[in-house]
Protein backbone atom coordinates (compact mmCIF):
# COMPACT_ATOMS: atom_id res chain seq x y z
CA MET A 1 27.17 25.13 24.76
CA ILE A 2 23.42 23.98 23.52
CA GLN A 3 20.58 25.02 26.24
CA ILE A 4 17.32 22.80 26.11
CA PRO A 5 14.24 23.41 28.50
CA CYS A 6 13.42 20.29 30.82
CA VAL A 7 12.30 19.49 34.36
CA LEU A 8 14.39 17.65 36.83
CA MET A 9 11.28 15.50 38.29
CA ARG A 10 10.86 12.85 40.85
CA GLY A 11 8.77 9.96 39.61
CA GLY A 12 7.82 7.46 42.45
CA SER A 13 11.31 6.46 43.65
CA SER A 14 13.28 7.75 41.00
CA LYS A 15 13.79 10.61 39.39
CA GLY A 16 15.16 12.17 35.98
CA LEU A 17 14.86 14.66 33.09
CA PHE A 18 11.74 15.43 31.33
CA PHE A 19 11.46 17.01 28.25
CA LEU A 20 8.82 18.23 25.55
CA ALA A 21 9.73 16.15 21.96
CA LYS A 22 9.61 19.43 20.44
CA ASP A 23 12.64 20.29 21.86
CA LEU A 24 14.72 17.35 20.99
CA PRO A 25 15.83 16.27 17.77
CA THR A 26 13.58 14.02 15.29
CA ASP A 27 16.38 11.61 14.54
CA PRO A 28 16.80 8.63 17.20
CA MET A 29 20.63 8.57 16.90
CA ALA A 30 21.04 12.61 17.22
CA ARG A 31 18.63 12.40 20.49
CA ASP A 32 20.29 9.82 22.36
CA ARG A 33 23.68 11.45 21.85
CA LEU A 34 21.98 14.47 23.40
CA LEU A 35 20.50 12.46 26.18
CA LEU A 36 23.93 10.97 26.98
CA ALA A 37 25.36 14.18 27.05
CA ALA A 38 22.78 15.77 29.34
CA MET A 39 23.42 13.04 31.79
CA GLY A 40 27.09 13.12 31.61
CA SER A 41 27.12 9.43 30.68
CA PRO A 42 29.33 7.44 30.03
CA ASP A 43 30.75 8.14 33.41
CA THR A 44 30.26 6.29 36.72
CA ARG A 45 29.80 9.41 38.60
CA GLN A 46 27.98 11.32 35.63
CA ILE A 47 30.06 14.02 37.12
CA ASP A 48 29.45 16.49 33.94
CA GLY A 49 25.54 15.97 33.70
CA MET A 50 22.63 15.85 35.45
CA GLY A 51 22.57 11.86 36.41
CA GLY A 52 22.91 10.89 39.68
CA GLY A 53 25.55 7.76 39.11
CA ASN A 54 22.86 4.88 39.43
CA ASP A 55 20.18 3.60 37.05
CA THR A 56 17.22 5.26 39.04
CA THR A 57 18.47 8.59 38.67
CA SER A 58 19.72 8.23 35.43
CA LYS A 59 16.26 8.16 33.35
CA VAL A 60 14.42 10.53 30.82
CA VAL A 61 10.86 11.15 29.87
CA ILE A 62 9.99 12.74 26.71
CA LEU A 63 6.32 14.03 26.15
CA SER A 64 4.59 15.06 23.12
CA PRO A 65 0.30 15.85 22.65
CA SER A 66 -1.39 12.97 21.17
CA ASP A 67 -3.75 12.92 17.99
CA ARG A 68 -5.60 9.56 19.05
CA PRO A 69 -8.91 10.76 20.27
CA ASP A 70 -8.36 8.21 23.37
CA VAL A 71 -5.32 9.82 24.26
CA ASP A 72 -4.11 12.96 25.80
CA VAL A 73 -0.27 12.71 25.53
CA GLU A 74 2.29 10.09 24.46
CA TYR A 75 5.51 9.68 26.39
CA LEU A 76 8.94 7.49 25.53
CA PHE A 77 11.14 6.45 28.48
CA ALA A 78 14.46 6.47 27.91
CA GLN A 79 16.82 4.49 30.46
CA VAL A 80 20.40 6.57 29.96
CA SER A 81 23.11 4.16 31.06
CA VAL A 82 25.42 5.50 33.54
CA ALA A 83 28.80 3.93 32.69
CA ARG A 84 28.21 2.52 29.13
CA ASP A 85 27.31 4.64 25.60
CA TYR A 86 23.82 3.48 25.54
CA VAL A 87 20.38 4.75 25.87
CA ASP A 88 17.85 2.10 26.24
CA VAL A 89 14.11 2.55 25.20
CA LEU A 90 12.95 -0.88 25.38
CA PRO A 91 11.72 -1.00 29.12
CA ASN A 92 9.33 1.45 30.53
CA SER A 93 9.34 2.88 34.16
CA GLY A 94 6.13 2.97 36.07
CA ASN A 95 8.19 5.06 38.92
CA MET A 96 8.73 7.70 36.29
CA LEU A 97 5.40 7.46 34.85
CA ALA A 98 4.07 8.80 37.88
CA GLY A 99 5.33 12.33 36.67
CA VAL A 100 3.82 12.43 33.26
CA GLY A 101 0.44 13.55 34.03
CA PRO A 102 1.49 16.04 36.23
CA PHE A 103 4.22 17.75 33.79
CA ALA A 104 1.71 17.17 31.13
CA ILE A 105 -0.80 19.52 32.88
CA ASP A 106 1.90 22.14 34.24
CA HIS A 107 3.10 22.48 30.35
CA GLY A 108 -0.68 22.90 29.17
CA LEU A 109 -1.19 19.36 27.39
CA VAL A 110 -3.90 18.92 29.36
CA LYS A 111 -6.57 21.32 30.88
CA PRO A 112 -7.04 20.67 34.60
CA SER A 113 -10.55 19.92 36.05
CA SER A 114 -11.39 19.69 39.97
CA PRO A 115 -10.64 18.15 42.08
CA THR A 116 -8.90 15.75 40.08
CA THR A 117 -7.97 15.47 36.33
CA LYS A 118 -7.44 12.20 34.35
CA VAL A 119 -4.61 12.30 32.23
CA ARG A 120 -4.88 9.56 29.19
CA ILE A 121 -1.22 8.52 28.63
CA LEU A 122 0.23 6.53 25.68
CA ASN A 123 3.36 4.79 26.44
CA THR A 124 5.18 4.52 23.09
CA ASN A 125 7.84 2.17 24.40
CA SER A 126 5.01 -0.49 25.48
CA HIS A 127 1.91 1.03 23.29
CA LYS A 128 0.08 0.71 26.03
CA ILE A 129 -2.24 3.17 27.72
CA VAL A 130 -2.37 4.31 31.04
CA GLU A 131 -4.69 6.60 32.87
CA ALA A 132 -2.83 8.63 35.69
CA ILE A 133 -5.76 10.47 38.06
CA VAL A 134 -3.85 13.87 39.30
CA GLN A 135 -4.81 15.95 42.47
CA THR A 136 -5.76 19.45 40.92
CA PRO A 137 -8.17 21.20 43.61
CA GLY A 138 -9.59 24.28 42.10
CA GLY A 139 -8.10 23.30 38.65
CA LYS A 140 -4.78 24.02 40.07
CA ILE A 141 -2.17 21.00 40.15
CA SER A 142 -1.21 20.69 43.97
CA TYR A 143 2.15 18.64 44.94
CA SER A 144 0.89 18.77 48.56
CA GLY A 145 -0.59 16.07 50.57
CA THR A 146 -0.83 13.22 53.28
CA PHE A 147 0.42 10.23 50.87
CA HIS A 148 3.65 8.53 51.84
CA LEU A 149 5.68 6.28 49.35
CA ASP A 150 7.97 4.07 51.02
CA GLY A 151 11.60 4.73 49.98
CA VAL A 152 10.77 8.36 49.66
CA PRO A 153 10.89 10.85 52.70
CA GLY A 154 8.41 12.80 53.32
CA VAL A 155 4.70 13.29 52.08
CA SER A 156 2.97 14.59 49.09
CA ALA A 157 0.18 14.41 46.91
CA SER A 158 -0.73 10.89 45.64
CA VAL A 159 -0.77 10.18 41.83
CA GLN A 160 -3.11 7.04 41.07
CA LEU A 161 -1.99 4.88 37.75
CA TYR A 162 -4.53 2.57 36.18
CA PHE A 163 -2.46 0.79 33.75
CA LEU A 164 -4.92 -1.09 31.25
CA ASN A 165 -4.29 -4.40 29.71
CA PRO A 166 -0.70 -4.26 30.50
CA ALA A 167 -0.39 -8.51 29.70
CA GLY A 168 1.88 -9.32 27.07
CA THR A 169 3.57 -5.73 26.91
CA ARG A 170 6.74 -6.72 24.97
CA THR A 171 6.24 -10.67 24.04
CA GLY A 172 2.55 -10.83 23.66
CA GLN A 173 1.67 -13.29 26.08
CA LEU A 174 1.16 -12.84 29.96
CA LEU A 175 3.24 -16.25 30.32
CA PRO A 176 5.86 -15.54 27.21
CA THR A 177 7.16 -19.47 27.44
CA GLN A 178 3.60 -20.72 27.66
CA VAL A 179 4.11 -22.44 30.97
CA ALA A 180 4.10 -21.31 34.50
CA GLN A 181 7.78 -22.80 35.40
CA ASP A 182 10.94 -23.08 33.38
CA THR A 183 14.34 -24.76 34.42
CA VAL A 184 17.54 -22.78 33.45
CA CYS A 185 20.66 -23.24 35.06
CA GLY A 186 19.41 -26.02 37.21
CA ILE A 187 16.76 -23.85 38.96
CA SER A 188 13.07 -23.20 38.50
CA ILE A 189 11.78 -19.69 37.31
CA THR A 190 8.84 -18.21 35.74
CA CYS A 191 8.87 -15.65 32.88
CA ILE A 192 6.16 -13.32 32.91
CA ASP A 193 4.97 -10.28 30.93
CA PHE A 194 2.83 -7.62 32.76
CA ALA A 195 3.37 -4.32 32.39
CA ILE A 196 7.22 -5.54 31.81
CA PRO A 197 8.92 -8.77 31.25
CA MET A 198 10.49 -10.05 34.27
CA VAL A 199 11.89 -13.48 35.30
CA LEU A 200 11.37 -14.76 38.77
CA VAL A 201 13.56 -16.82 40.85
CA LYS A 202 13.25 -18.17 44.46
CA ALA A 203 16.11 -16.26 46.69
CA ALA A 204 16.77 -19.55 48.34
CA ALA A 205 17.72 -21.06 44.58
CA LEU A 206 20.44 -18.83 44.63
CA GLY A 207 21.65 -19.18 48.13
CA LYS A 208 19.58 -15.87 49.45
CA THR A 209 16.97 -15.56 51.89
CA GLY A 210 15.43 -12.66 50.15
CA TYR A 211 15.36 -10.33 52.93
CA GLU A 212 18.78 -8.98 52.53
CA SER A 213 19.72 -5.37 51.98
CA LYS A 214 20.52 -3.90 48.72
CA ALA A 215 24.27 -3.24 49.92
CA ALA A 216 24.86 -6.78 51.05
CA LEU A 217 23.49 -8.31 47.45
CA ASP A 218 25.46 -5.61 45.50
CA SER A 219 28.71 -6.57 47.16
CA ASP A 220 28.02 -10.07 46.20
CA PRO A 221 29.69 -10.21 42.72
CA VAL A 222 29.60 -14.25 42.73
CA PHE A 223 25.70 -14.03 43.38
CA LEU A 224 25.21 -11.06 40.70
CA ARG A 225 27.15 -12.80 38.15
CA ARG A 226 25.18 -15.88 38.69
CA LEU A 227 21.83 -13.86 38.51
CA GLU A 228 22.74 -12.54 35.22
CA GLU A 229 22.96 -16.01 33.89
CA VAL A 230 19.46 -16.64 34.93
CA ARG A 231 18.53 -13.59 33.78
CA ALA A 232 19.98 -13.76 30.30
CA ALA A 233 18.67 -17.66 30.13
CA GLY A 234 15.19 -16.33 30.85
CA ALA A 235 15.61 -13.69 28.15
CA ARG A 236 16.36 -16.33 25.49
CA LEU A 237 13.11 -18.42 26.55
CA MET A 238 10.82 -15.27 25.98
CA GLY A 239 12.45 -14.39 22.99
CA LEU A 240 14.10 -11.49 24.14
CA SER A 241 17.74 -10.11 23.60
CA ASP A 242 20.01 -11.82 26.31
CA ALA A 243 22.46 -8.78 26.17
CA PRO A 244 23.48 -7.58 29.47
CA GLU A 245 22.89 -3.68 28.21
CA ARG A 246 19.39 -4.43 27.19
CA GLY A 247 16.71 -3.38 30.33
CA ILE A 248 14.54 -6.23 29.59
CA PRO A 249 13.35 -8.89 31.10
CA LYS A 250 13.90 -7.53 34.32
CA ILE A 251 14.76 -10.17 37.14
CA THR A 252 13.79 -10.36 41.01
CA ILE A 253 14.39 -12.82 43.57
CA ILE A 254 11.38 -13.49 46.07
CA ALA A 255 10.58 -15.36 49.46
CA PRO A 256 7.78 -15.84 51.55
CA ALA A 257 6.51 -12.68 53.38
CA ARG A 258 7.60 -12.00 56.90
CA GLU A 259 6.22 -8.52 57.67
CA GLY A 260 2.27 -9.00 56.74
CA GLY A 261 2.59 -8.61 52.94
CA THR A 262 2.33 -10.99 49.99
CA LEU A 263 5.69 -11.44 49.00
CA ALA A 264 9.45 -10.45 49.82
CA ALA A 265 11.31 -9.27 46.79
CA ARG A 266 14.42 -7.59 45.57
CA TYR A 267 14.12 -6.27 41.98
CA PHE A 268 17.36 -5.74 39.90
CA VAL A 269 18.24 -2.76 37.84
CA PRO A 270 20.04 -4.67 35.87
CA THR A 271 23.01 -5.46 37.99
CA ASN A 272 22.29 -3.76 41.17
CA CYS A 273 19.65 -4.28 43.47
CA HIS A 274 16.53 -1.79 43.15
CA PRO A 275 16.82 0.58 46.43
CA VAL A 276 12.71 0.12 46.47
CA PHE A 277 10.84 -1.56 43.94
CA ALA A 278 10.12 -0.99 40.45
CA ALA A 279 6.25 -0.02 39.71
CA THR A 280 6.02 -1.94 36.67
CA GLY A 281 7.92 -4.90 38.27
CA ALA A 282 5.47 -5.30 41.24
CA LEU A 283 2.69 -5.11 38.48
CA ALA A 284 4.16 -7.98 36.86
CA LEU A 285 4.78 -9.49 40.41
CA ALA A 286 1.30 -8.96 41.48
CA ALA A 287 0.11 -10.79 38.27
CA ALA A 288 2.18 -13.90 38.99
CA CYS A 289 0.75 -14.33 42.23
CA HIS A 290 -2.66 -15.13 40.56
CA THR A 291 -1.12 -17.08 37.86
CA ALA A 292 -1.70 -20.95 38.49
CA GLY A 293 1.65 -22.66 38.88
CA THR A 294 4.11 -20.02 39.13
CA ILE A 295 6.95 -19.64 41.83
CA ALA A 296 5.22 -16.52 43.19
CA GLN A 297 1.98 -18.39 43.61
CA GLU A 298 3.73 -20.97 45.46
CA LEU A 299 4.99 -18.61 48.04
CA ALA A 300 2.48 -15.83 48.02
CA THR A 301 0.24 -14.92 51.17
CA LEU A 302 -2.90 -13.41 49.89
CA ASN A 303 -5.26 -11.27 51.71
CA GLN A 304 -8.60 -13.61 52.07
CA GLN A 305 -10.39 -10.26 52.25
CA ARG A 306 -8.76 -8.42 49.43
CA PRO A 307 -7.04 -11.09 47.27
CA HIS A 308 -6.30 -8.75 44.51
CA ASP A 309 -4.37 -6.34 46.78
CA ILE A 310 -0.60 -7.48 46.52
CA VAL A 311 1.74 -6.10 49.04
CA ILE A 312 5.46 -6.40 48.14
CA GLU A 313 8.49 -6.00 50.92
CA HIS A 314 11.03 -4.73 49.46
CA PRO A 315 14.32 -3.06 50.91
CA SER A 316 12.75 0.16 51.62
CA GLY A 317 9.37 -0.77 53.20
CA LYS A 318 6.26 -1.99 51.18
CA MET A 319 4.45 -1.22 47.85
CA SER A 320 1.01 -2.31 47.08
CA CYS A 321 -0.87 -2.58 44.26
CA GLU A 322 -4.52 -3.92 43.49
CA LEU A 323 -5.08 -6.16 40.14
CA ILE A 324 -8.28 -5.90 38.02
CA VAL A 325 -9.64 -8.84 37.26
CA THR A 326 -12.57 -9.43 34.91
CA THR A 327 -14.52 -12.86 33.82
CA ASP A 328 -14.05 -14.51 30.19
CA PRO A 329 -17.93 -14.46 29.25
CA GLN A 330 -17.05 -17.46 26.88
CA ALA A 331 -14.74 -19.51 29.12
CA GLY A 332 -15.86 -18.22 32.64
CA THR A 333 -12.30 -17.99 33.68
CA ALA A 334 -10.48 -15.01 35.37
CA LEU A 335 -8.49 -12.43 33.29
CA LEU A 336 -6.12 -10.15 34.48
CA THR A 337 -7.52 -7.07 32.39
CA GLY A 338 -5.88 -4.23 34.86
CA ALA A 339 -3.97 -2.86 37.79
CA THR A 340 -3.81 0.24 39.74
CA LEU A 341 -1.41 1.54 42.05
CA LEU A 342 -0.86 4.74 44.32
CA THR A 343 2.59 6.81 43.92
CA SER A 344 3.65 10.46 43.81
CA ALA A 345 5.74 12.82 41.90
CA ARG A 346 6.68 16.42 41.68
CA PRO A 347 9.05 18.66 40.14
CA LEU A 348 12.75 19.48 41.52
CA LEU A 349 14.15 22.10 39.49
CA SER A 350 12.95 23.70 35.80
CA GLY A 351 15.06 25.69 33.58
CA GLU A 352 17.47 24.31 30.97
CA VAL A 353 20.22 21.87 30.94
CA PHE A 354 23.51 22.84 28.98
CA VAL A 355 25.21 20.21 26.71
CA ALA A 356 28.42 20.95 25.30
CA ASP A 357 28.09 20.79 21.27
CA HIS A 358 31.32 18.88 21.03
CA SER A 359 29.62 15.65 23.15
CA LEU A 360 27.01 15.41 20.47
CA ASP A 361 29.49 14.57 17.97
CA LEU A 362 29.23 10.57 16.87
CA PRO A 363 32.36 8.45 18.02
């Protein structure tokens, strides 16, 4: 058996293993074999590993200190497939990002200040910088607080995330197809890339209300097949792979809000509904609400006092984020230059994960 130090950590409404890069193989293929073994993949129950049998609990974060003067730590996010022999490092996870700052402080990569500590983070999946504000009263990290995140029981200390210039994360453009709406499979979609590439489609166009539960959506195979057809078509338009195992683009169905929010939405990862909503997906949807001509803008109900505050109604409650908007000094037009949201994280277990050495052999 091989033993590797790690922390099982909740980040937002997801959880997974956090590693220091120095404890893992540098070769990507060897690293991925180890991560699959650690999570117990491929197996739908992940019974022989640390994964929880679904995409939101089969995630990995790998941290290292940074040599860049404007960055404290660098991290790679890995989505470990549950049932397939595959590790995807193309997407990012805003939920798991919530744990990066606290983990970096706990492991001495960042010196804490008081009452909060700013951790400058480079996501090596997207090559974008995010700043995390972590609660460190008296120079010690605190996981206790009064912040509640819908989809996560109880309360805890908040972690504030500032996403800097997240437009065009993967495609280089906010609107990868250069138009606000495209037609695929006979229906209108919006392709947007803000923190993560995403395809938006009106729930009604697929015969849904947009208010369904996760269980109701996951139990409709005809709908899920149709959804994947739309996502794959959107991927091709965006110049991305349409392979079903690829983590991007994501797809979200949207509908008018009915509980005082901006929009109702259901986010898919990739072939089942997220029980809450992905943080990066929330930013992409928020950006679409402020992009002229998108289907999100058509359906959104903006808060007239705080129009840049976007509230998404999801299966477990609501998620809020705020767009940072500046003015182009030459054109005088509004630019979406960043976004911020509140989330939370905490360690669940610290120790070593045991991996059977035979599981590292290449097939």
